[in-house]
């Protein structure tokens, strides 16, 4: 009985929202559907802020979810690479029209692929927000609640607020 309780406690603790050293990894394209739902869930359940730094962002469904979150009072900031936006500005224009703060990095290539949700959960990995990245490319995405990483990302995000 003790062994069952320990396993139950371990599993519950592992998946608890209060566990700030928990993580979740997605390998694409195999887990693309699950990842899309995870990103959507995190965007739509954020309460305070979302920061996105994305080298290539053309996936409209994620932009639509960011717009929806913004309309619900969540502060959204999106950092994009200027040269990629010059190639395809559709998502950039969608976000700007929705009064979302979009920062274009001009002085160097902005090659990051990350998100920070409510300064509590980070998404990092190789994934760009493009249809091809979700459906065809080999990608890895890591969600993590690690205070060292979160604090480092918060310091980075502060430069763009």
N, C-alpha and C. Protein backbone atom coordinates (compact mmCIF):
# COMPACT_ATOMS: atom_id res chain seq x y z
N UNK A 1 0.82 -1.19 0.00
CA UNK A 1 0.00 0.00 0.00
C UNK A 1 0.87 1.26 0.00
N UNK A 2 1.94 1.25 0.80
CA UNK A 2 2.83 2.42 0.84
C UNK A 2 3.45 2.67 -0.52
N UNK A 3 3.79 1.60 -1.21
CA UNK A 3 4.40 1.73 -2.53
C UNK A 3 3.42 2.38 -3.51
N UNK A 4 2.17 2.00 -3.47
CA UNK A 4 1.15 2.59 -4.35
C UNK A 4 0.96 4.07 -4.02
N UNK A 5 0.90 4.39 -2.76
CA UNK A 5 0.76 5.80 -2.36
C UNK A 5 1.96 6.63 -2.80
N UNK A 6 3.16 6.06 -2.67
CA UNK A 6 4.36 6.76 -3.10
C UNK A 6 4.31 7.03 -4.60
N UNK A 7 3.96 6.02 -5.38
CA UNK A 7 3.87 6.18 -6.84
C UNK A 7 2.81 7.23 -7.18
N UNK A 8 1.66 7.17 -6.53
CA UNK A 8 0.60 8.15 -6.77
C UNK A 8 1.08 9.56 -6.42
N UNK A 9 1.74 9.72 -5.28
CA UNK A 9 2.27 11.02 -4.88
C UNK A 9 3.29 11.51 -5.90
N UNK A 10 4.19 10.62 -6.33
CA UNK A 10 5.22 10.98 -7.31
C UNK A 10 4.60 11.47 -8.60
N UNK A 11 3.61 10.75 -9.11
CA UNK A 11 2.96 11.12 -10.37
C UNK A 11 2.22 12.45 -10.20
N UNK A 12 1.48 12.61 -9.14
CA UNK A 12 0.76 13.87 -8.92
C UNK A 12 1.72 15.03 -8.77
N UNK A 13 2.81 14.83 -8.05
CA UNK A 13 3.81 15.88 -7.86
C UNK A 13 4.49 16.23 -9.18
N UNK A 14 4.76 15.22 -9.99
CA UNK A 14 5.42 15.43 -11.27
C UNK A 14 4.58 16.31 -12.19
N UNK A 15 3.29 16.14 -12.17
CA UNK A 15 2.41 16.89 -13.07
C UNK A 15 1.71 18.06 -12.40
N UNK A 16 2.06 18.37 -11.19
CA UNK A 16 1.46 19.49 -10.46
C UNK A 16 1.91 20.82 -11.03
N UNK A 17 0.98 21.77 -11.10
CA UNK A 17 1.32 23.12 -11.54
C UNK A 17 2.20 23.84 -10.54
N UNK A 18 2.27 23.35 -9.32
CA UNK A 18 3.08 24.00 -8.30
C UNK A 18 4.52 23.50 -8.30
N UNK A 19 4.82 22.49 -9.06
CA UNK A 19 6.17 21.94 -9.10
C UNK A 19 7.02 22.79 -10.04
N UNK A 20 7.91 23.59 -9.51
CA UNK A 20 8.65 24.54 -10.33
C UNK A 20 9.97 23.97 -10.85
N UNK A 21 10.11 22.68 -10.85
CA UNK A 21 11.22 22.04 -11.53
C UNK A 21 10.71 21.01 -12.52
N UNK A 22 9.43 21.09 -12.86
CA UNK A 22 8.86 20.13 -13.78
C UNK A 22 9.14 20.54 -15.22
N UNK A 23 9.04 19.54 -16.09
CA UNK A 23 9.28 19.82 -17.50
C UNK A 23 8.48 18.85 -18.36
N UNK A 24 8.37 19.22 -19.62
CA UNK A 24 7.67 18.39 -20.60
C UNK A 24 8.35 18.61 -21.94
N UNK A 25 8.63 17.53 -22.65
CA UNK A 25 9.34 17.60 -23.91
C UNK A 25 8.49 17.04 -25.04
N UNK A 26 8.52 17.70 -26.18
CA UNK A 26 7.80 17.25 -27.37
C UNK A 26 8.79 17.08 -28.51
N UNK A 27 8.70 15.97 -29.22
CA UNK A 27 9.50 15.73 -30.41
C UNK A 27 8.56 15.79 -31.61
N UNK A 28 8.92 16.60 -32.59
CA UNK A 28 8.08 16.76 -33.76
C UNK A 28 8.73 16.12 -34.97
N UNK A 29 7.97 15.71 -35.94
CA UNK A 29 6.54 15.97 -36.12
C UNK A 29 5.61 14.99 -35.40
N UNK A 30 6.14 13.93 -34.77
CA UNK A 30 5.28 12.90 -34.17
C UNK A 30 4.30 13.46 -33.14
N UNK A 31 4.73 14.40 -32.34
CA UNK A 31 3.88 14.91 -31.26
C UNK A 31 3.33 16.30 -31.56
N UNK A 32 3.23 16.62 -32.82
CA UNK A 32 2.80 17.94 -33.24
C UNK A 32 1.40 18.30 -32.72
N UNK A 33 0.47 17.36 -32.83
CA UNK A 33 -0.91 17.65 -32.38
C UNK A 33 -0.95 17.97 -30.90
N UNK A 34 -0.23 17.18 -30.11
CA UNK A 34 -0.20 17.42 -28.66
C UNK A 34 0.44 18.77 -28.36
N UNK A 35 1.51 19.09 -29.07
CA UNK A 35 2.19 20.36 -28.84
C UNK A 35 1.30 21.54 -29.18
N UNK A 36 0.62 21.48 -30.30
CA UNK A 36 -0.30 22.58 -30.67
C UNK A 36 -1.31 22.83 -29.56
N UNK A 37 -1.88 21.74 -29.02
CA UNK A 37 -2.86 21.88 -27.95
C UNK A 37 -2.23 22.43 -26.67
N UNK A 38 -1.01 22.01 -26.37
CA UNK A 38 -0.30 22.51 -25.18
C UNK A 38 -0.04 24.00 -25.31
N UNK A 39 0.45 24.44 -26.47
CA UNK A 39 0.71 25.87 -26.68
C UNK A 39 -0.59 26.65 -26.57
N UNK A 40 -1.62 26.16 -27.20
CA UNK A 40 -2.92 26.85 -27.16
C UNK A 40 -3.43 26.95 -25.72
N UNK A 41 -3.34 25.86 -24.98
CA UNK A 41 -3.77 25.86 -23.59
C UNK A 41 -3.00 26.88 -22.77
N UNK A 42 -1.68 26.90 -22.90
CA UNK A 42 -0.86 27.82 -22.12
C UNK A 42 -1.15 29.28 -22.48
N UNK A 43 -1.38 29.55 -23.75
CA UNK A 43 -1.71 30.92 -24.16
C UNK A 43 -3.05 31.33 -23.57
N UNK A 44 -4.06 30.49 -23.74
CA UNK A 44 -5.41 30.87 -23.33
C UNK A 44 -5.66 30.81 -21.84
N UNK A 45 -4.76 30.16 -21.08
CA UNK A 45 -4.93 30.14 -19.62
C UNK A 45 -3.95 31.09 -18.91
N UNK A 46 -3.12 31.77 -19.65
CA UNK A 46 -2.23 32.76 -19.03
C UNK A 46 -3.08 33.89 -18.47
N UNK A 47 -2.64 34.41 -17.35
CA UNK A 47 -3.43 35.44 -16.66
C UNK A 47 -2.82 36.84 -16.77
N UNK A 48 -1.49 36.93 -16.84
CA UNK A 48 -0.84 38.24 -16.77
C UNK A 48 -0.06 38.61 -18.02
N UNK A 49 0.84 37.74 -18.45
CA UNK A 49 1.73 38.13 -19.55
C UNK A 49 2.22 36.93 -20.34
N UNK A 50 2.49 37.20 -21.61
CA UNK A 50 3.14 36.23 -22.48
C UNK A 50 4.18 36.98 -23.29
N UNK A 51 5.38 36.45 -23.29
CA UNK A 51 6.45 37.00 -24.12
C UNK A 51 6.82 35.92 -25.14
N UNK A 52 6.90 36.34 -26.39
CA UNK A 52 7.26 35.43 -27.48
C UNK A 52 8.48 36.01 -28.18
N UNK A 53 9.50 35.19 -28.38
CA UNK A 53 10.62 35.55 -29.25
C UNK A 53 10.68 34.43 -30.28
N UNK A 54 10.38 34.78 -31.54
CA UNK A 54 10.27 33.75 -32.56
C UNK A 54 10.91 34.24 -33.85
N UNK A 55 11.90 33.50 -34.30
CA UNK A 55 12.61 33.86 -35.52
C UNK A 55 11.67 33.88 -36.73
N UNK A 56 10.91 32.84 -36.92
CA UNK A 56 10.02 32.75 -38.08
C UNK A 56 8.62 32.46 -37.56
N UNK A 57 7.71 33.40 -37.73
CA UNK A 57 6.36 33.28 -37.17
C UNK A 57 5.35 33.56 -38.27
N UNK A 58 4.79 32.49 -38.82
CA UNK A 58 3.75 32.63 -39.84
C UNK A 58 2.52 31.78 -39.53
N UNK A 59 2.52 31.10 -38.40
CA UNK A 59 1.42 30.21 -38.04
C UNK A 59 0.28 31.03 -37.44
N UNK A 60 -0.77 31.22 -38.23
CA UNK A 60 -1.85 32.15 -37.86
C UNK A 60 -2.66 31.70 -36.65
N UNK A 61 -2.81 30.39 -36.44
CA UNK A 61 -3.60 29.94 -35.29
C UNK A 61 -2.99 30.39 -33.97
N UNK A 62 -1.67 30.37 -33.87
CA UNK A 62 -1.02 30.84 -32.65
C UNK A 62 -1.21 32.34 -32.51
N UNK A 63 -1.10 33.06 -33.61
CA UNK A 63 -1.33 34.52 -33.58
C UNK A 63 -2.76 34.82 -33.12
N UNK A 64 -3.72 34.06 -33.62
CA UNK A 64 -5.13 34.26 -33.22
C UNK A 64 -5.32 34.01 -31.73
N UNK A 65 -4.65 32.98 -31.19
CA UNK A 65 -4.75 32.71 -29.75
C UNK A 65 -4.10 33.82 -28.93
N UNK A 66 -2.98 34.35 -29.41
CA UNK A 66 -2.35 35.49 -28.72
C UNK A 66 -3.27 36.70 -28.72
N UNK A 67 -3.94 36.94 -29.83
CA UNK A 67 -4.89 38.06 -29.92
C UNK A 67 -6.04 37.85 -28.95
N UNK A 68 -6.54 36.62 -28.87
CA UNK A 68 -7.63 36.31 -27.94
C UNK A 68 -7.18 36.55 -26.49
N UNK A 69 -5.99 36.09 -26.16
CA UNK A 69 -5.46 36.30 -24.80
C UNK A 69 -5.31 37.79 -24.51
N UNK A 70 -4.84 38.54 -25.49
CA UNK A 70 -4.68 39.98 -25.33
C UNK A 70 -6.02 40.66 -25.04
N UNK A 71 -7.04 40.23 -25.75
CA UNK A 71 -8.39 40.79 -25.53
C UNK A 71 -8.92 40.44 -24.15
N UNK A 72 -8.38 39.38 -23.55
CA UNK A 72 -8.77 38.99 -22.19
C UNK A 72 -7.89 39.64 -21.13
N UNK A 73 -7.06 40.62 -21.54
CA UNK A 73 -6.28 41.39 -20.59
C UNK A 73 -4.85 40.92 -20.36
N UNK A 74 -4.41 39.91 -21.09
CA UNK A 74 -3.04 39.42 -20.93
C UNK A 74 -2.12 40.34 -21.73
N UNK A 75 -1.03 40.77 -21.09
CA UNK A 75 -0.04 41.62 -21.76
C UNK A 75 0.83 40.74 -22.66
N UNK A 76 0.80 41.02 -23.95
CA UNK A 76 1.55 40.22 -24.92
C UNK A 76 2.66 41.08 -25.52
N UNK A 77 3.85 40.53 -25.57
CA UNK A 77 4.98 41.15 -26.27
C UNK A 77 5.58 40.10 -27.19
N UNK A 78 5.79 40.48 -28.45
CA UNK A 78 6.35 39.55 -29.43
C UNK A 78 7.60 40.17 -30.03
N UNK A 79 8.70 39.43 -29.94
CA UNK A 79 9.97 39.86 -30.51
C UNK A 79 10.21 39.05 -31.78
N UNK A 80 10.40 39.76 -32.90
CA UNK A 80 10.58 39.10 -34.20
C UNK A 80 11.85 39.59 -34.88
N UNK A 81 12.31 38.79 -35.81
CA UNK A 81 13.46 39.16 -36.63
C UNK A 81 12.97 40.04 -37.79
N UNK A 82 13.59 41.20 -37.96
CA UNK A 82 13.14 42.15 -38.98
C UNK A 82 13.21 41.56 -40.39
N UNK A 83 14.28 40.85 -40.71
CA UNK A 83 14.41 40.32 -42.08
C UNK A 83 13.34 39.27 -42.37
N UNK A 84 12.96 38.46 -41.39
CA UNK A 84 11.90 37.46 -41.61
C UNK A 84 10.55 38.15 -41.80
N UNK A 85 10.31 39.22 -41.06
CA UNK A 85 9.05 39.96 -41.20
C UNK A 85 8.99 40.63 -42.58
N UNK A 86 10.12 41.11 -43.07
CA UNK A 86 10.14 41.70 -44.40
C UNK A 86 9.80 40.68 -45.49
N UNK A 87 10.13 39.40 -45.25
CA UNK A 87 9.79 38.33 -46.19
C UNK A 87 8.31 37.96 -46.12
N UNK A 88 7.74 37.98 -44.93
CA UNK A 88 6.33 37.61 -44.72
C UNK A 88 5.81 38.37 -43.51
N UNK A 89 4.98 39.37 -43.77
CA UNK A 89 4.52 40.25 -42.69
C UNK A 89 3.06 40.02 -42.27
N UNK A 90 2.45 38.93 -42.70
CA UNK A 90 1.03 38.72 -42.41
C UNK A 90 0.74 38.61 -40.91
N UNK A 91 1.48 37.75 -40.20
CA UNK A 91 1.27 37.61 -38.75
C UNK A 91 1.65 38.90 -38.03
N UNK A 92 2.74 39.50 -38.44
CA UNK A 92 3.16 40.78 -37.86
C UNK A 92 2.01 41.79 -37.96
N UNK A 93 1.41 41.90 -39.12
CA UNK A 93 0.30 42.84 -39.30
C UNK A 93 -0.92 42.47 -38.47
N UNK A 94 -1.22 41.17 -38.37
CA UNK A 94 -2.34 40.72 -37.53
C UNK A 94 -2.13 41.17 -36.08
N UNK A 95 -0.93 40.96 -35.58
CA UNK A 95 -0.63 41.31 -34.18
C UNK A 95 -0.67 42.82 -33.97
N UNK A 96 -0.09 43.57 -34.89
CA UNK A 96 -0.09 45.04 -34.77
C UNK A 96 -1.51 45.59 -34.81
N UNK A 97 -2.34 45.06 -35.71
CA UNK A 97 -3.73 45.52 -35.82
C UNK A 97 -4.52 45.23 -34.54
N UNK A 98 -4.11 44.22 -33.80
CA UNK A 98 -4.76 43.87 -32.54
C UNK A 98 -4.13 44.61 -31.35
N UNK A 99 -3.28 45.59 -31.65
CA UNK A 99 -2.61 46.40 -30.62
C UNK A 99 -1.71 45.59 -29.69
N UNK A 100 -1.12 44.55 -30.24
CA UNK A 100 -0.13 43.77 -29.50
C UNK A 100 1.24 44.39 -29.75
N UNK A 101 2.01 44.49 -28.68
CA UNK A 101 3.35 45.06 -28.81
C UNK A 101 4.25 44.08 -29.57
N UNK A 102 4.74 44.54 -30.72
CA UNK A 102 5.64 43.75 -31.53
C UNK A 102 6.95 44.53 -31.68
N UNK A 103 8.04 43.89 -31.34
CA UNK A 103 9.36 44.51 -31.43
C UNK A 103 10.12 43.79 -32.53
N UNK A 104 10.67 44.56 -33.47
CA UNK A 104 11.50 43.99 -34.53
C UNK A 104 12.96 44.21 -34.18
N UNK A 105 13.71 43.13 -34.11
CA UNK A 105 15.14 43.25 -33.86
C UNK A 105 15.83 43.55 -35.19
N UNK A 106 16.51 44.68 -35.24
CA UNK A 106 17.08 45.16 -36.49
C UNK A 106 18.59 45.05 -36.55
N UNK A 107 19.27 45.14 -35.41
CA UNK A 107 20.72 45.25 -35.44
C UNK A 107 21.46 43.91 -35.51
N UNK A 108 20.74 42.79 -35.36
CA UNK A 108 21.33 41.47 -35.51
C UNK A 108 20.20 40.47 -35.74
N UNK A 109 20.57 39.27 -36.12
CA UNK A 109 19.55 38.23 -36.34
C UNK A 109 18.95 37.82 -35.00
N UNK A 110 17.63 37.85 -34.93
CA UNK A 110 16.90 37.40 -33.75
C UNK A 110 16.49 35.95 -34.02
N UNK A 111 17.28 35.01 -33.56
CA UNK A 111 17.10 33.61 -33.91
C UNK A 111 16.49 32.78 -32.78
N UNK A 112 16.01 33.42 -31.74
CA UNK A 112 15.42 32.70 -30.61
C UNK A 112 14.09 32.06 -30.98
N UNK A 113 13.78 31.00 -30.26
CA UNK A 113 12.48 30.35 -30.35
C UNK A 113 12.07 30.05 -28.92
N UNK A 114 11.32 30.96 -28.31
CA UNK A 114 10.96 30.78 -26.91
C UNK A 114 9.69 31.55 -26.57
N UNK A 115 9.07 31.12 -25.49
CA UNK A 115 7.92 31.83 -24.92
C UNK A 115 8.07 31.81 -23.41
N UNK A 116 7.51 32.81 -22.77
CA UNK A 116 7.46 32.87 -21.32
C UNK A 116 6.03 33.20 -20.92
N UNK A 117 5.40 32.31 -20.17
CA UNK A 117 4.00 32.45 -19.77
C UNK A 117 3.93 32.88 -18.31
N UNK A 118 3.37 34.05 -18.05
CA UNK A 118 3.16 34.55 -16.68
C UNK A 118 4.42 34.49 -15.83
N UNK A 119 5.58 34.59 -16.45
CA UNK A 119 6.87 34.52 -15.75
C UNK A 119 7.00 33.27 -14.89
N UNK A 120 6.33 32.19 -15.30
CA UNK A 120 6.34 30.95 -14.52
C UNK A 120 6.68 29.72 -15.35
N UNK A 121 6.43 29.77 -16.64
CA UNK A 121 6.63 28.61 -17.50
C UNK A 121 7.32 29.07 -18.78
N UNK A 122 8.37 28.36 -19.17
CA UNK A 122 9.10 28.71 -20.39
C UNK A 122 8.94 27.60 -21.43
N UNK A 123 8.87 28.03 -22.67
CA UNK A 123 8.95 27.13 -23.82
C UNK A 123 10.23 27.50 -24.54
N UNK A 124 11.09 26.52 -24.75
CA UNK A 124 12.32 26.74 -25.52
C UNK A 124 12.50 25.56 -26.46
N UNK A 125 13.22 25.76 -27.54
CA UNK A 125 13.48 24.65 -28.44
C UNK A 125 13.90 25.13 -29.81
N UNK A 126 13.75 24.24 -30.77
CA UNK A 126 14.18 24.54 -32.14
C UNK A 126 13.03 24.97 -33.03
N UNK A 127 11.81 24.89 -32.56
CA UNK A 127 10.61 25.11 -33.35
C UNK A 127 10.38 26.57 -33.70
N UNK A 128 10.22 26.86 -34.99
CA UNK A 128 9.65 28.13 -35.43
C UNK A 128 8.14 27.95 -35.51
N UNK A 129 7.42 29.04 -35.44
CA UNK A 129 5.96 28.97 -35.55
C UNK A 129 5.57 29.05 -37.02
N UNK A 130 5.84 27.97 -37.74
CA UNK A 130 5.45 27.84 -39.14
C UNK A 130 4.76 26.49 -39.31
N UNK A 131 3.94 26.40 -40.32
CA UNK A 131 3.24 25.14 -40.59
C UNK A 131 4.25 24.02 -40.86
N UNK A 132 5.29 24.33 -41.63
CA UNK A 132 6.31 23.33 -41.96
C UNK A 132 7.01 22.81 -40.71
N UNK A 133 7.30 23.71 -39.76
CA UNK A 133 7.95 23.29 -38.53
C UNK A 133 7.10 22.30 -37.74
N UNK A 134 5.79 22.54 -37.72
CA UNK A 134 4.90 21.64 -36.99
C UNK A 134 4.66 20.32 -37.73
N UNK A 135 4.60 20.36 -39.05
CA UNK A 135 4.16 19.20 -39.81
C UNK A 135 5.27 18.37 -40.44
N UNK A 136 6.42 18.98 -40.76
CA UNK A 136 7.44 18.25 -41.51
C UNK A 136 8.78 18.15 -40.80
N UNK A 137 9.20 19.20 -40.15
CA UNK A 137 10.56 19.25 -39.60
C UNK A 137 10.73 18.37 -38.37
N UNK A 138 11.97 17.94 -38.17
CA UNK A 138 12.35 17.32 -36.90
C UNK A 138 12.65 18.48 -35.95
N UNK A 139 11.90 18.56 -34.89
CA UNK A 139 12.02 19.67 -33.93
C UNK A 139 11.93 19.12 -32.52
N UNK A 140 12.41 19.93 -31.58
CA UNK A 140 12.24 19.60 -30.16
C UNK A 140 11.74 20.86 -29.45
N UNK A 141 10.79 20.66 -28.56
CA UNK A 141 10.25 21.75 -27.76
C UNK A 141 10.22 21.29 -26.30
N UNK A 142 10.67 22.17 -25.44
CA UNK A 142 10.81 21.85 -24.03
C UNK A 142 10.06 22.90 -23.22
N UNK A 143 9.09 22.47 -22.42
CA UNK A 143 8.40 23.33 -21.47
C UNK A 143 9.04 23.08 -20.12
N UNK A 144 9.37 24.15 -19.42
CA UNK A 144 10.06 23.97 -18.15
C UNK A 144 9.66 25.04 -17.14
N UNK A 145 9.57 24.61 -15.89
CA UNK A 145 9.33 25.50 -14.76
C UNK A 145 10.57 25.42 -13.87
N UNK A 146 11.62 26.01 -14.30
CA UNK A 146 12.88 26.01 -13.56
C UNK A 146 13.21 27.46 -13.22
N UNK A 147 13.35 27.76 -11.91
CA UNK A 147 13.51 29.15 -11.49
C UNK A 147 14.76 29.81 -12.06
N UNK A 148 15.85 29.07 -12.20
CA UNK A 148 17.06 29.67 -12.77
C UNK A 148 16.82 30.14 -14.19
N UNK A 149 16.23 29.28 -15.01
CA UNK A 149 15.93 29.65 -16.39
C UNK A 149 14.89 30.76 -16.44
N UNK A 150 13.84 30.64 -15.67
CA UNK A 150 12.77 31.65 -15.66
C UNK A 150 13.35 33.02 -15.31
N UNK A 151 14.18 33.08 -14.29
CA UNK A 151 14.76 34.38 -13.89
C UNK A 151 15.67 34.94 -14.98
N UNK A 152 16.43 34.10 -15.64
CA UNK A 152 17.28 34.56 -16.74
C UNK A 152 16.43 35.10 -17.88
N UNK A 153 15.35 34.39 -18.19
CA UNK A 153 14.45 34.85 -19.26
C UNK A 153 13.72 36.14 -18.88
N UNK A 154 13.34 36.25 -17.61
CA UNK A 154 12.69 37.49 -17.15
C UNK A 154 13.63 38.69 -17.33
N UNK A 155 14.91 38.51 -17.04
CA UNK A 155 15.88 39.59 -17.24
C UNK A 155 15.99 39.94 -18.73
N UNK A 156 15.97 38.94 -19.58
CA UNK A 156 16.01 39.17 -21.02
C UNK A 156 14.75 39.90 -21.50
N UNK A 157 13.61 39.44 -21.06
CA UNK A 157 12.32 40.02 -21.46
C UNK A 157 12.23 41.50 -21.04
N UNK A 158 12.77 41.82 -19.88
CA UNK A 158 12.71 43.20 -19.36
C UNK A 158 13.31 44.21 -20.33
N UNK A 159 14.24 43.79 -21.16
CA UNK A 159 14.86 44.68 -22.14
C UNK A 159 13.89 45.14 -23.22
N UNK A 160 12.77 44.42 -23.38
CA UNK A 160 11.85 44.70 -24.48
C UNK A 160 10.48 45.21 -24.01
N UNK A 161 10.34 45.42 -22.72
CA UNK A 161 9.04 45.89 -22.20
C UNK A 161 8.98 47.38 -22.08
